[in-house]
C-alpha atoms as a PDB file:
ATOM      1  CA  MET A   1     -66.664 -56.038  13.210  1.00  0.00           C
ATOM      2  CA  ARG A   2     -66.768 -53.556  10.277  1.00  0.00           C
ATOM      3  CA  ALA A   3     -66.561 -50.524  12.954  1.00  0.00           C
ATOM      4  CA  ARG A   4     -63.106 -51.917  14.286  1.00  0.00           C
ATOM      5  CA  ILE A   5     -61.821 -52.174  10.761  1.00  0.00           C
ATOM      6  CA  GLY A   6     -62.727 -48.475   9.877  1.00  0.00           C
ATOM      7  CA  ILE A   7     -61.240 -47.340  13.144  1.00  0.00           C
ATOM      8  CA  THR A   8     -57.825 -49.001  12.483  1.00  0.00           C
ATOM      9  CA  LEU A   9     -57.991 -47.982   8.991  1.00  0.00           C
ATOM     10  CA  ALA A  10     -58.392 -44.605  10.393  1.00  0.00           C
ATOM     11  CA  MET A  11     -55.496 -44.741  12.614  1.00  0.00           C
ATOM     12  CA  THR A  12     -53.323 -46.084   9.998  1.00  0.00           C
ATOM     13  CA  VAL A  13     -54.148 -43.033   7.840  1.00  0.00           C
ATOM     14  CA  VAL A  14     -53.434 -40.495  10.628  1.00  0.00           C
ATOM     15  CA  LEU A  15     -49.887 -42.151  11.482  1.00  0.00           C
ATOM     16  CA  ALA A  16     -48.902 -42.456   7.913  1.00  0.00           C
ATOM     17  CA  GLY A  17     -49.866 -38.565   7.534  1.00  0.00           C
ATOM     18  CA  THR A  18     -47.884 -38.035  10.731  1.00  0.00           C
ATOM     19  CA  ALA A  19     -44.951 -39.533   9.311  1.00  0.00           C
ATOM     20  CA  CYS A  20     -44.882 -37.821   5.944  1.00  0.00           C
ATOM     21  CA  SER A  21     -45.734 -34.187   6.664  1.00  0.00           C
ATOM     22  CA  GLY A  22     -44.729 -33.679  10.550  1.00  0.00           C
ATOM     23  CA  GLY A  23     -41.346 -34.219  12.565  1.00  0.00           C
ATOM     24  CA  ASP A  24     -37.783 -32.800  12.463  1.00  0.00           C
ATOM     25  CA  ASP A  25     -36.547 -35.552  10.291  1.00  0.00           C
ATOM     26  CA  GLY A  26     -38.987 -35.169   7.403  1.00  0.00           C
ATOM     27  CA  PRO A  27     -37.699 -34.517   3.889  1.00  0.00           C
ATOM     28  CA  ALA A  28     -38.461 -30.896   3.958  1.00  0.00           C
ATOM     29  CA  ALA A  29     -36.883 -30.216   7.162  1.00  0.00           C
ATOM     30  CA  GLN A  30     -33.441 -32.069   6.191  1.00  0.00           C
ATOM     31  CA  SER A  31     -33.700 -30.069   3.136  1.00  0.00           C
ATOM     32  CA  GLN A  32     -33.686 -27.029   4.894  1.00  0.00           C
ATOM     33  CA  GLY A  33     -30.994 -28.102   7.290  1.00  0.00           C
ATOM     34  CA  LEU A  34     -28.657 -28.579   3.819  1.00  0.00           C
ATOM     35  CA  SER A  35     -29.563 -25.412   2.538  1.00  0.00           C
ATOM     36  CA  GLN A  36     -28.365 -23.572   5.734  1.00  0.00           C
ATOM     37  CA  VAL A  37     -24.772 -25.670   5.830  1.00  0.00           C
ATOM     38  CA  ALA A  38     -24.196 -25.105   2.431  1.00  0.00           C
ATOM     39  CA  SER A  39     -24.788 -21.275   2.231  1.00  0.00           C
ATOM     40  CA  PRO A  40     -22.560 -19.612   5.348  1.00  0.00           C
ATOM     41  CA  SER A  41     -23.044 -15.841   5.630  1.00  0.00           C
ATOM     42  CA  PRO A  42     -20.370 -14.477   2.809  1.00  0.00           C
ATOM     43  CA  SER A  43     -16.918 -13.191   4.373  1.00  0.00           C
ATOM     44  CA  PRO A  44     -16.638  -9.591   4.460  1.00  0.00           C
ATOM     45  CA  THR A  45     -14.612  -7.977   1.435  1.00  0.00           C
ATOM     46  CA  PRO A  46     -11.199  -6.584   2.453  1.00  0.00           C
ATOM     47  CA  PRO A  47     -10.761  -2.708   1.683  1.00  0.00           C
ATOM     48  CA  PRO A  48      -8.859  -1.699  -1.229  1.00  0.00           C
ATOM     49  CA  GLU A  49      -5.335  -1.098  -0.433  1.00  0.00           C
ATOM     50  CA  HIS A  50      -3.607   2.126  -1.710  1.00  0.00           C
ATOM     51  CA  PRO A  51      -1.185   1.602  -4.753  1.00  0.00           C
ATOM     52  CA  PHE A  52       1.457   3.819  -2.831  1.00  0.00           C
ATOM     53  CA  THR A  53       1.458   2.181   0.553  1.00  0.00           C
ATOM     54  CA  GLY A  54      -0.610  -0.748   0.826  1.00  0.00           C
ATOM     55  CA  ARG A  55      -2.573   0.497   3.479  1.00  0.00           C
ATOM     56  CA  PRO A  56      -6.588   0.212   3.524  1.00  0.00           C
ATOM     57  CA  ILE A  57      -8.442   3.110   1.954  1.00  0.00           C
ATOM     58  CA  ALA A  58     -11.881   4.217   1.154  1.00  0.00           C
ATOM     59  CA  ALA A  59     -11.090   5.900  -2.150  1.00  0.00           C
ATOM     60  CA  ARG A  60      -7.887   7.289  -4.216  1.00  0.00           C
ATOM     61  CA  LYS A  61      -6.991  10.967  -3.791  1.00  0.00           C
ATOM     62  CA  PRO A  62      -5.130  13.336  -6.189  1.00  0.00           C
ATOM     63  CA  VAL A  63      -1.188  13.162  -6.186  1.00  0.00           C
ATOM     64  CA  LEU A  64       0.874  15.962  -4.895  1.00  0.00           C
ATOM     65  CA  ALA A  65       4.717  16.000  -5.539  1.00  0.00           C
ATOM     66  CA  VAL A  66       7.069  18.749  -3.771  1.00  0.00           C
ATOM     67  CA  LYS A  67      10.637  19.294  -4.000  1.00  0.00           C
ATOM     68  CA  VAL A  68      12.163  19.538  -0.750  1.00  0.00           C
ATOM     69  CA  GLU A  69      15.569  20.787   0.620  1.00  0.00           C
ATOM     70  CA  ASN A  70      17.909  18.120   1.762  1.00  0.00           C
ATOM     71  CA  THR A  71      21.033  19.819   3.322  1.00  0.00           C
ATOM     72  CA  HIS A  72      21.631  20.681   6.754  1.00  0.00           C
ATOM     73  CA  ALA A  73      20.605  24.367   6.054  1.00  0.00           C
ATOM     74  CA  GLY A  74      17.470  23.304   5.185  1.00  0.00           C
ATOM     75  CA  LYS A  75      16.536  20.922   8.346  1.00  0.00           C
ATOM     76  CA  PRO A  76      14.384  20.129  10.223  1.00  0.00           C
ATOM     77  CA  GLN A  77      12.381  19.577   7.054  1.00  0.00           C
ATOM     78  CA  MET A  78       8.216  19.635   7.744  1.00  0.00           C
ATOM     79  CA  GLY A  79       5.666  17.373   6.597  1.00  0.00           C
ATOM     80  CA  LEU A  80       7.800  14.537   5.303  1.00  0.00           C
ATOM     81  CA  ARG A  81       6.329  12.076   7.931  1.00  0.00           C
ATOM     82  CA  SER A  82       2.721  12.129   6.171  1.00  0.00           C
ATOM     83  CA  ALA A  83       4.538  11.502   2.522  1.00  0.00           C
ATOM     84  CA  ASP A  84       3.674   8.356   0.957  1.00  0.00           C
ATOM     85  CA  ILE A  85       6.682   8.259  -1.043  1.00  0.00           C
ATOM     86  CA  ILE A  86      10.079   9.992  -1.099  1.00  0.00           C
ATOM     87  CA  TYR A  87      12.502  10.065  -3.688  1.00  0.00           C
ATOM     88  CA  VAL A  88      16.037  11.138  -3.179  1.00  0.00           C
ATOM     89  CA  GLU A  89      17.749  12.413  -6.023  1.00  0.00           C
ATOM     90  CA  GLN A  90      21.459  13.666  -6.620  1.00  0.00           C
ATOM     91  CA  VAL A  91      21.587  17.358  -7.656  1.00  0.00           C
ATOM     92  CA  GLU A  92      24.473  19.762  -8.154  1.00  0.00           C
ATOM     93  CA  GLY A  93      27.785  19.357  -6.450  1.00  0.00           C
ATOM     94  CA  GLY A  94      27.040  15.852  -5.310  1.00  0.00           C
ATOM     95  CA  LEU A  95      24.693  16.564  -2.884  1.00  0.00           C
ATOM     96  CA  THR A  96      20.794  15.586  -2.862  1.00  0.00           C
ATOM     97  CA  ARG A  97      17.266  16.769  -2.964  1.00  0.00           C
ATOM     98  CA  LEU A  98      13.788  15.204  -2.261  1.00  0.00           C
ATOM     99  CA  MET A  99      10.813  14.601  -3.803  1.00  0.00           C
ATOM    100  CA  ALA A 100       7.811  13.960  -1.409  1.00  0.00           C
ATOM    101  CA  ILE A 101       4.624  12.368  -3.053  1.00  0.00           C
ATOM    102  CA  PHE A 102       1.399  12.754  -1.155  1.00  0.00           C
ATOM    103  CA  SER A 103      -1.903  11.350  -1.580  1.00  0.00           C
ATOM    104  CA  THR A 104      -3.163   9.773   1.392  1.00  0.00           C
ATOM    105  CA  LYS A 105      -2.751  12.183   3.797  1.00  0.00           C
ATOM    106  CA  LEU A 106      -1.964  16.154   3.548  1.00  0.00           C
ATOM    107  CA  PRO A 107       0.413  17.661   6.237  1.00  0.00           C
ATOM    108  CA  ALA A 108      -0.637  21.431   7.647  1.00  0.00           C
ATOM    109  CA  GLN A 109       2.797  22.227   5.867  1.00  0.00           C
ATOM    110  CA  VAL A 110       5.429  20.878   3.826  1.00  0.00           C
ATOM    111  CA  GLY A 111       9.030  22.443   3.106  1.00  0.00           C
ATOM    112  CA  PRO A 112      11.531  24.126   2.864  1.00  0.00           C
ATOM    113  CA  VAL A 113      10.330  23.970  -0.763  1.00  0.00           C
ATOM    114  CA  ARG A 114      13.095  24.175  -3.410  1.00  0.00           C
ATOM    115  CA  SER A 115      13.665  23.950  -7.068  1.00  0.00           C
ATOM    116  CA  ALA A 116      12.735  21.616  -9.485  1.00  0.00           C
ATOM    117  CA  ARG A 117      15.375  19.500 -11.405  1.00  0.00           C
ATOM    118  CA  ILE A 118      15.205  17.737 -15.106  1.00  0.00           C
ATOM    119  CA  SER A 119      15.017  14.279 -13.375  1.00  0.00           C
ATOM    120  CA  ASP A 120      11.804  15.209 -12.003  1.00  0.00           C
ATOM    121  CA  LEU A 121      10.329  15.320 -15.180  1.00  0.00           C
ATOM    122  CA  HIS A 122      10.988  11.718 -15.988  1.00  0.00           C
ATOM    123  CA  ILE A 123       9.801  10.142 -12.599  1.00  0.00           C
ATOM    124  CA  LEU A 124       6.320  12.215 -12.377  1.00  0.00           C
ATOM    125  CA  PRO A 125       4.670  10.572 -15.579  1.00  0.00           C
ATOM    126  CA  MET A 126       4.112   7.249 -13.767  1.00  0.00           C
ATOM    127  CA  PHE A 127       1.508   9.350 -11.600  1.00  0.00           C
ATOM    128  CA  GLY A 128      -0.534  10.566 -14.509  1.00  0.00           C
ATOM    129  CA  LYS A 129      -0.480  14.366 -14.322  1.00  0.00           C
ATOM    130  CA  PRO A 130       0.077  15.149 -10.756  1.00  0.00           C
ATOM    131  CA  ALA A 131       0.428  18.808  -9.325  1.00  0.00           C
ATOM    132  CA  LEU A 132       4.298  19.547  -8.561  1.00  0.00           C
ATOM    133  CA  ALA A 133       5.077  22.184  -6.079  1.00  0.00           C
ATOM    134  CA  TYR A 134       8.588  23.917  -6.229  1.00  0.00           C
ATOM    135  CA  SER A 135      10.234  26.810  -6.357  1.00  0.00           C
ATOM    136  CA  GLY A 136      11.548  27.867  -9.396  1.00  0.00           C
ATOM    137  CA  VAL A 137      13.930  26.214 -12.089  1.00  0.00           C
ATOM    138  CA  GLN A 138      16.668  27.442 -14.233  1.00  0.00           C
ATOM    139  CA  THR A 139      15.713  29.117 -17.372  1.00  0.00           C
ATOM    140  CA  LYS A 140      16.728  26.650 -19.959  1.00  0.00           C
ATOM    141  CA  MET A 141      14.484  24.523 -18.145  1.00  0.00           C
ATOM    142  CA  ILE A 142      11.080  26.414 -18.025  1.00  0.00           C
ATOM    143  CA  PRO A 143      10.187  24.954 -21.771  1.00  0.00           C
ATOM    144  CA  PHE A 144      10.583  21.329 -20.568  1.00  0.00           C
ATOM    145  CA  VAL A 145       8.322  21.918 -17.457  1.00  0.00           C
ATOM    146  CA  GLN A 146       5.529  23.728 -19.515  1.00  0.00           C
ATOM    147  CA  LYS A 147       5.587  20.542 -21.758  1.00  0.00           C
ATOM    148  CA  ALA A 148       5.838  17.931 -18.770  1.00  0.00           C
ATOM    149  CA  SER A 149       3.091  15.705 -17.568  1.00  0.00           C
ATOM    150  CA  LEU A 150       2.092  17.950 -14.467  1.00  0.00           C
ATOM    151  CA  PHE A 151       0.139  20.579 -12.754  1.00  0.00           C
ATOM    152  CA  ASP A 152       2.476  23.602 -11.852  1.00  0.00           C
ATOM    153  CA  VAL A 153       1.459  24.846  -8.713  1.00  0.00           C
ATOM    154  CA  SER A 154       5.097  26.263  -8.015  1.00  0.00           C
ATOM    155  CA  ASP A 155       5.259  29.628  -5.845  1.00  0.00           C
ATOM    156  CA  SER A 156       5.044  31.851  -8.894  1.00  0.00           C
ATOM    157  CA  ARG A 157       1.837  30.261 -10.366  1.00  0.00           C
ATOM    158  CA  VAL A 158       0.156  30.017  -6.795  1.00  0.00           C
ATOM    159  CA  PRO A 159       1.966  32.660  -4.843  1.00  0.00           C
ATOM    160  CA  GLY A 160      -1.090  32.198  -2.250  1.00  0.00           C
ATOM    161  CA  ALA A 161      -0.226  28.595  -1.114  1.00  0.00           C
ATOM    162  CA  TYR A 162       3.484  29.698   0.226  1.00  0.00           C
ATOM    163  CA  PHE A 163       4.649  31.623   3.229  1.00  0.00           C
ATOM    164  CA  ARG A 164       8.031  32.418   4.520  1.00  0.00           C
ATOM    165  CA  ALA A 165       8.669  30.788   7.851  1.00  0.00           C
ATOM    166  CA  GLN A 166       9.832  32.942  10.299  1.00  0.00           C
ATOM    167  CA  GLY A 167      13.343  31.595  12.011  1.00  0.00           C
ATOM    168  CA  ARG A 168      14.495  30.425   8.914  1.00  0.00           C
ATOM    169  CA  VAL A 169      16.933  31.982   6.285  1.00  0.00           C
ATOM    170  CA  ALA A 170      15.900  32.266   2.697  1.00  0.00           C
ATOM    171  CA  PRO A 171      15.972  30.234   0.267  1.00  0.00           C
ATOM    172  CA  TYR A 172      15.697  27.799   2.901  1.00  0.00           C
ATOM    173  CA  ASN A 173      12.115  29.388   4.912  1.00  0.00           C
ATOM    174  CA  LEU A 174       9.586  28.826   2.061  1.00  0.00           C
ATOM    175  CA  VAL A 175       7.102  26.532   3.089  1.00  0.00           C
ATOM    176  CA  GLY A 176       3.798  25.016   1.225  1.00  0.00           C
ATOM    177  CA  ASN A 177       0.431  24.389   2.508  1.00  0.00           C
ATOM    178  CA  PRO A 178      -0.517  21.244   0.521  1.00  0.00           C
ATOM    179  CA  ARG A 179      -4.555  21.711   0.887  1.00  0.00           C
ATOM    180  CA  LYS A 180      -4.127  24.913  -1.263  1.00  0.00           C
ATOM    181  CA  LEU A 181      -1.554  23.388  -3.656  1.00  0.00           C
ATOM    182  CA  LEU A 182      -3.854  20.720  -4.590  1.00  0.00           C
ATOM    183  CA  ALA A 183      -6.737  23.078  -4.861  1.00  0.00           C
ATOM    184  CA  ALA A 184      -4.921  24.976  -7.292  1.00  0.00           C
ATOM    185  CA  ALA A 185      -4.718  21.898  -9.377  1.00  0.00           C
ATOM    186  CA  PRO A 186      -8.078  20.292  -9.113  1.00  0.00           C
ATOM    187  CA  ARG A 187      -8.053  17.948 -12.119  1.00  0.00           C
ATOM    188  CA  ALA A 188      -4.541  16.303 -10.745  1.00  0.00           C
ATOM    189  CA  SER A 189      -4.173  12.661 -11.286  1.00  0.00           C
ATOM    190  CA  LYS A 190      -5.398  10.512  -8.512  1.00  0.00           C
ATOM    191  CA  ALA A 191      -3.076   7.618  -7.005  1.00  0.00           C
ATOM    192  CA  ARG A 192      -2.711   4.755  -9.278  1.00  0.00           C
ATOM    193  CA  ASP A 193      -0.552   1.609 -10.023  1.00  0.00           C
ATOM    194  CA  ILE A 194       3.058   2.328 -10.003  1.00  0.00           C
ATOM    195  CA  GLY A 195       4.153  -1.136  -9.832  1.00  0.00           C
ATOM    196  CA  PHE A 196       4.462  -1.222  -5.984  1.00  0.00           C
ATOM    197  CA  VAL A 197       3.428  -4.517  -4.262  1.00  0.00           C
ATOM    198  CA  PHE A 198       2.746  -4.997  -0.504  1.00  0.00           C
ATOM    199  CA  SER A 199       2.427  -7.999   2.228  1.00  0.00           C
ATOM    200  CA  ASP A 200       2.079  -7.851   5.704  1.00  0.00           C
ATOM    201  CA  GLU A 201       4.974 -10.757   5.904  1.00  0.00           C
ATOM    202  CA  PRO A 202       8.336 -10.436   4.337  1.00  0.00           C
ATOM    203  CA  PRO A 203       9.694 -13.134   1.781  1.00  0.00           C
ATOM    204  CA  ALA A 204      11.798 -15.707   2.490  1.00  0.00           C
ATOM    205  CA  GLY A 205      15.418 -15.192   2.219  1.00  0.00           C
ATOM    206  CA  GLY A 206      17.085 -11.824   2.509  1.00  0.00           C
ATOM    207  CA  THR A 207      20.093 -10.664   4.755  1.00  0.00           C
ATOM    208  CA  PRO A 208      19.502  -9.668   7.975  1.00  0.00           C
ATOM    209  CA  ARG A 209      21.159  -6.359   8.085  1.00  0.00           C
ATOM    210  CA  LYS A 210      21.349  -3.747  11.052  1.00  0.00           C
ATOM    211  CA  SER A 211      22.093  -0.928   9.165  1.00  0.00           C
ATOM    212  CA  VAL A 212      22.637   0.070   5.438  1.00  0.00           C
ATOM    213  CA  THR A 213      25.059   3.128   3.947  1.00  0.00           C
ATOM    214  CA  VAL A 214      24.262   4.502   0.907  1.00  0.00           C
ATOM    215  CA  ARG A 215      27.005   7.392  -0.749  1.00  0.00           C
ATOM    216  CA  TYR A 216      26.501  10.459  -3.091  1.00  0.00           C
ATOM    217  CA  PRO A 217      29.739  12.350  -3.740  1.00  0.00           C
ATOM    218  CA  ALA A 218      29.104  14.919  -1.070  1.00  0.00           C
ATOM    219  CA  ALA A 219      25.981  13.073   0.713  1.00  0.00           C
ATOM    220  CA  ARG A 220      25.846   9.881   2.935  1.00  0.00           C
ATOM    221  CA  PHE A 221      22.426   8.424   4.137  1.00  0.00           C
ATOM    222  CA  THR A 222      22.580   5.599   6.816  1.00  0.00           C
ATOM    223  CA  PHE A 223      19.570   3.434   7.104  1.00  0.00           C
ATOM    224  CA  THR A 224      19.278   1.717  10.565  1.00  0.00           C
ATOM    225  CA  TRP A 225      16.591  -0.897  11.486  1.00  0.00           C
ATOM    226  CA  SER A 226      14.378  -0.128  14.465  1.00  0.00           C
ATOM    227  CA  GLU A 227      12.481  -3.277  15.754  1.00  0.00           C
ATOM    228  CA  SER A 228      10.499  -1.370  18.306  1.00  0.00           C
ATOM    229  CA  GLN A 229       9.437   1.339  15.562  1.00  0.00           C
ATOM    230  CA  LYS A 230       9.257  -1.471  12.670  1.00  0.00           C
ATOM    231  CA  ARG A 231      11.028   1.351  10.450  1.00  0.00           C
ATOM    232  CA  TRP A 232      14.366   2.099   9.035  1.00  0.00           C
ATOM    233  CA  LEU A 233      15.553   5.409  10.338  1.00  0.00           C
ATOM    234  CA  VAL A 234      17.387   7.727   8.648  1.00  0.00           C
ATOM    235  CA  THR A 235      21.032   9.248   9.507  1.00  0.00           C
ATOM    236  CA  GLN A 236      22.302  11.805   7.167  1.00  0.00           C
ATOM    237  CA  ASP A 237      26.059  12.675   6.856  1.00  0.00           C
ATOM    238  CA  GLY A 238      26.390  11.241  10.463  1.00  0.00           C
ATOM    239  CA  GLU A 239      23.569  13.101  12.053  1.00  0.00           C
ATOM    240  CA  LYS A 240      20.073  11.916  12.919  1.00  0.00           C
ATOM    241  CA  ASP A 241      17.687  12.901  10.289  1.00  0.00           C
ATOM    242  CA  MET A 242      14.817  14.669  12.692  1.00  0.00           C
ATOM    243  CA  ALA A 243      11.394  15.721  11.395  1.00  0.00           C
ATOM    244  CA  ALA A 244      10.011  19.099  12.429  1.00  0.00           C
ATOM    245  CA  GLU A 245       7.233  17.692  13.835  1.00  0.00           C
ATOM    246  CA  GLY A 246       9.161  15.368  16.119  1.00  0.00           C
ATOM    247  CA  GLY A 247      10.860  11.752  15.734  1.00  0.00           C
ATOM    248  CA  GLN A 248      13.314  10.703  13.390  1.00  0.00           C
ATOM    249  CA  GLN A 249      12.742  10.203   9.733  1.00  0.00           C
ATOM    250  CA  GLY A 250      12.439   7.028   8.566  1.00  0.00           C
ATOM    251  CA  ALA A 251      10.145   4.268   7.033  1.00  0.00           C
ATOM    252  CA  PRO A 252       9.025   0.398   6.861  1.00  0.00           C
ATOM    253  CA  THR A 253      10.456   0.008   3.626  1.00  0.00           C
ATOM    254  CA  ILE A 254      13.573   1.843   1.855  1.00  0.00           C
ATOM    255  CA  VAL A 255      14.447   0.622  -1.695  1.00  0.00           C
ATOM    256  CA  ILE A 256      17.963   1.527  -2.987  1.00  0.00           C
ATOM    257  CA  GLN A 257      17.826   1.658  -6.834  1.00  0.00           C
ATOM    258  CA  TRP A 258      21.185   1.839  -8.820  1.00  0.00           C
ATOM    259  CA  VAL A 259      20.452   3.849 -11.610  1.00  0.00           C
ATOM    260  CA  LYS A 260      22.693   5.267 -14.182  1.00  0.00           C
ATOM    261  CA  THR A 261      23.235   9.006 -13.442  1.00  0.00           C
ATOM    262  CA  GLU A 262      25.197  11.638 -16.105  1.00  0.00           C
ATOM    263  CA  ARG A 263      25.475  15.111 -16.713  1.00  0.00           C
ATOM    264  CA  SER A 264      22.233  16.557 -18.264  1.00  0.00           C
ATOM    265  CA  GLN A 265      22.597  20.166 -20.356  1.00  0.00           C
ATOM    266  CA  PHE A 266      21.561  22.096 -17.343  1.00  0.00           C
ATOM    267  CA  HIS A 267      23.671  23.591 -14.431  1.00  0.00           C
ATOM    268  CA  ASP A 268      23.595  25.641 -11.437  1.00  0.00           C
ATOM    269  CA  PHE A 269      24.529  29.581 -11.422  1.00  0.00           C
ATOM    270  CA  THR A 270      28.160  28.245 -10.003  1.00  0.00           C
ATOM    271  CA  GLY A 271      28.186  26.502 -13.356  1.00  0.00           C
ATOM    272  CA  SER A 272      28.192  22.813 -11.615  1.00  0.00           C
ATOM    273  CA  TYR A 273      26.372  20.381 -13.828  1.00  0.00           C
ATOM    274  CA  THR A 274      23.056  19.031 -13.171  1.00  0.00           C
ATOM    275  CA  PRO A 275      22.721  15.388 -12.932  1.00  0.00           C
ATOM    276  CA  LEU A 276      20.391  13.323 -15.142  1.00  0.00           C
ATOM    277  CA  VAL A 277      19.229  10.473 -13.240  1.00  0.00           C
ATOM    278  CA  HIS A 278      17.962   7.624 -15.572  1.00  0.00           C
ATOM    279  CA  THR A 279      14.688   5.742 -14.112  1.00  0.00           C
ATOM    280  CA  VAL A 280      13.831   3.997 -17.277  1.00  0.00           C
ATOM    281  CA  GLY A 281      15.105   0.737 -18.411  1.00  0.00           C
ATOM    282  CA  LYS A 282      16.247  -1.863 -16.255  1.00  0.00           C
ATOM    283  CA  GLY A 283      18.754  -2.603 -13.458  1.00  0.00           C
ATOM    284  CA  THR A 284      19.246  -3.663  -9.887  1.00  0.00           C
ATOM    285  CA  GLY A 285      19.135  -3.008  -6.367  1.00  0.00           C
ATOM    286  CA  VAL A 286      18.292  -3.932  -2.735  1.00  0.00           C
ATOM    287  CA  VAL A 287      14.739  -3.646  -0.815  1.00  0.00           C
ATOM    288  CA  LEU A 288      15.137  -3.019   3.068  1.00  0.00           C
ATOM    289  CA  ARG A 289      12.383  -4.405   5.171  1.00  0.00           C
ATOM    290  CA  ASP A 290      11.803  -6.043   8.176  1.00  0.00           C
ATOM    291  CA  GLY A 291      15.322  -6.066   9.328  1.00  0.00           C
ATOM    292  CA  ARG A 292      16.331  -7.702   6.213  1.00  0.00           C
ATOM    293  CA  ALA A 293      18.286  -6.880   2.851  1.00  0.00           C
ATOM    294  CA  TYR A 294      16.763  -8.016  -0.357  1.00  0.00           C
ATOM    295  CA  PRO A 295      18.896  -8.238  -3.768  1.00  0.00           C
ATOM    296  CA  VAL A 296      16.116  -7.022  -6.327  1.00  0.00           C
ATOM    297  CA  LYS A 297      16.194  -6.232 -10.007  1.00  0.00           C
ATOM    298  CA  TRP A 298      13.956  -3.249 -11.115  1.00  0.00           C
ATOM    299  CA  SER A 299      12.212  -2.281 -14.581  1.00  0.00           C
ATOM    300  CA  ARG A 300      10.108   0.567 -16.116  1.00  0.00           C
ATOM    301  CA  ALA A 301       9.466  -0.139 -19.612  1.00  0.00           C
ATOM    302  CA  SER A 302       8.523   3.695 -20.049  1.00  0.00           C
ATOM    303  CA  GLU A 303       8.287   6.928 -18.407  1.00  0.00           C
ATOM    304  CA  LYS A 304       4.496   6.254 -18.109  1.00  0.00           C
ATOM    305  CA  GLU A 305       4.723   3.049 -16.421  1.00  0.00           C
ATOM    306  CA  GLY A 306       5.470   2.491 -12.595  1.00  0.00           C
ATOM    307  CA  THR A 307       8.650   0.397 -11.800  1.00  0.00           C
ATOM    308  CA  THR A 308       8.236  -3.034 -10.916  1.00  0.00           C
ATOM    309  CA  TYR A 309      11.001  -4.904  -8.324  1.00  0.00           C
ATOM    310  CA  THR A 310      11.753  -8.451  -8.346  1.00  0.00           C
ATOM    311  CA  LEU A 311      13.504 -11.227  -6.458  1.00  0.00           C
ATOM    312  CA  ALA A 312      15.676 -13.768  -8.053  1.00  0.00           C
ATOM    313  CA  ASP A 313      12.969 -15.865  -8.727  1.00  0.00           C
ATOM    314  CA  GLY A 314      11.195 -13.271 -10.752  1.00  0.00           C
ATOM    315  CA  THR A 315       8.485 -12.772  -8.338  1.00  0.00           C
ATOM    316  CA  PRO A 316       7.587  -9.415  -7.247  1.00  0.00           C
ATOM    317  CA  MET A 317       9.250  -8.011  -4.205  1.00  0.00           C
ATOM    318  CA  PRO A 318       6.581  -7.197  -1.685  1.00  0.00           C
ATOM    319  CA  PHE A 319       7.020  -3.908   0.579  1.00  0.00           C
ATOM    320  CA  ALA A 320       6.019  -3.547   3.870  1.00  0.00           C
ATOM    321  CA  ARG A 321       2.866  -1.430   4.284  1.00  0.00           C
ATOM    322  CA  GLY A 322       3.546   2.282   4.841  1.00  0.00           C
ATOM    323  CA  GLN A 323       5.857   4.952   3.561  1.00  0.00           C
ATOM    324  CA  VAL A 324       8.623   3.986   1.000  1.00  0.00           C
ATOM    325  CA  TRP A 325      11.811   5.816   0.239  1.00  0.00           C
ATOM    326  CA  VAL A 326      13.175   5.298  -3.066  1.00  0.00           C
ATOM    327  CA  VAL A 327      17.262   6.178  -2.941  1.00  0.00           C
ATOM    328  CA  LEU A 328      17.965   6.562  -6.519  1.00  0.00           C
ATOM    329  CA  ALA A 329      21.798   6.213  -6.415  1.00  0.00           C
ATOM    330  CA  SER A 330      24.811   5.428  -8.641  1.00  0.00           C
ATOM    331  CA  ARG A 331      27.028   2.264  -7.863  1.00  0.00           C
ATOM    332  CA  LYS A 332      30.072   4.709  -9.363  1.00  0.00           C
ATOM    333  CA  PRO A 333      28.723   8.080  -8.176  1.00  0.00           C
ATOM    334  CA  VAL A 334      29.921  10.659 -11.038  1.00  0.00           C
ATOM    335  CA  ALA A 335      31.634  13.469  -9.721  1.00  0.00           C
ATOM    336  CA  PRO A 336      30.696  17.011  -9.431  1.00  0.00           C
END
């Protein structure tokens, strides 16, 4: 009888031990299961966006600004398809000239490179101290360039970074090599925030537009939406603005920024005054993206700060990712 009791107690102890320390439903196993559910694998961190284009980047690179001819005599232009930002500015005679900003991608060549203007020196400080490629300035303006926030990589400073293109007539044949230009300015500022905001989807609202035209005293731009290319294609003075590399110039985002334009103290050799474009302060404008036009307000507190663009409710106006054109124009163009 005692033997049976001993066997029974032994079996009870074994069974109890099995219930406590083995099986998938034990506390240890349950604890491990809960831990696995509560700690999912972390989501991958999205790559940083470039402040000029909103596209993913591995690292920010130095900034190069290039003054480019924008009349019929200088077309087709070279290298503009690789620019991050293109500024359109009024110059003498009511015509326009471009300032192309490069950082994410450098083309093999860019041009025709032309002379700088006083308005450039008021735009560039928002980029820090970038390199500026140009083909000279008016004599009176030289001291202003010397004091400006930029590294001078003009053809007189870095002649080895330029060449004369065959088949083009001077002064519309000067072409720059962007890599050599930046090599001459090793301390040029890297890309930084200049106020742009980007998103994959357009904001609500806006007005559907197939094309929008901006007029200067002696130039006319029309931006036409291409649904197939997802870009606004550029037509200037009634002709398609074609790139030397092929295809029509254009960008996913066009900013039409209404600015005050007045006569500066400078003029060209014919006596025609040089316009001064005011890009510091506040104003209104229109942003074109995804086939729609959005009224915006712009604000730039100082030359060292970027420009913000906001919708009617005060929220930032998001640009489409990619190249941005900033068309600096006056609602009431000043006669040349």
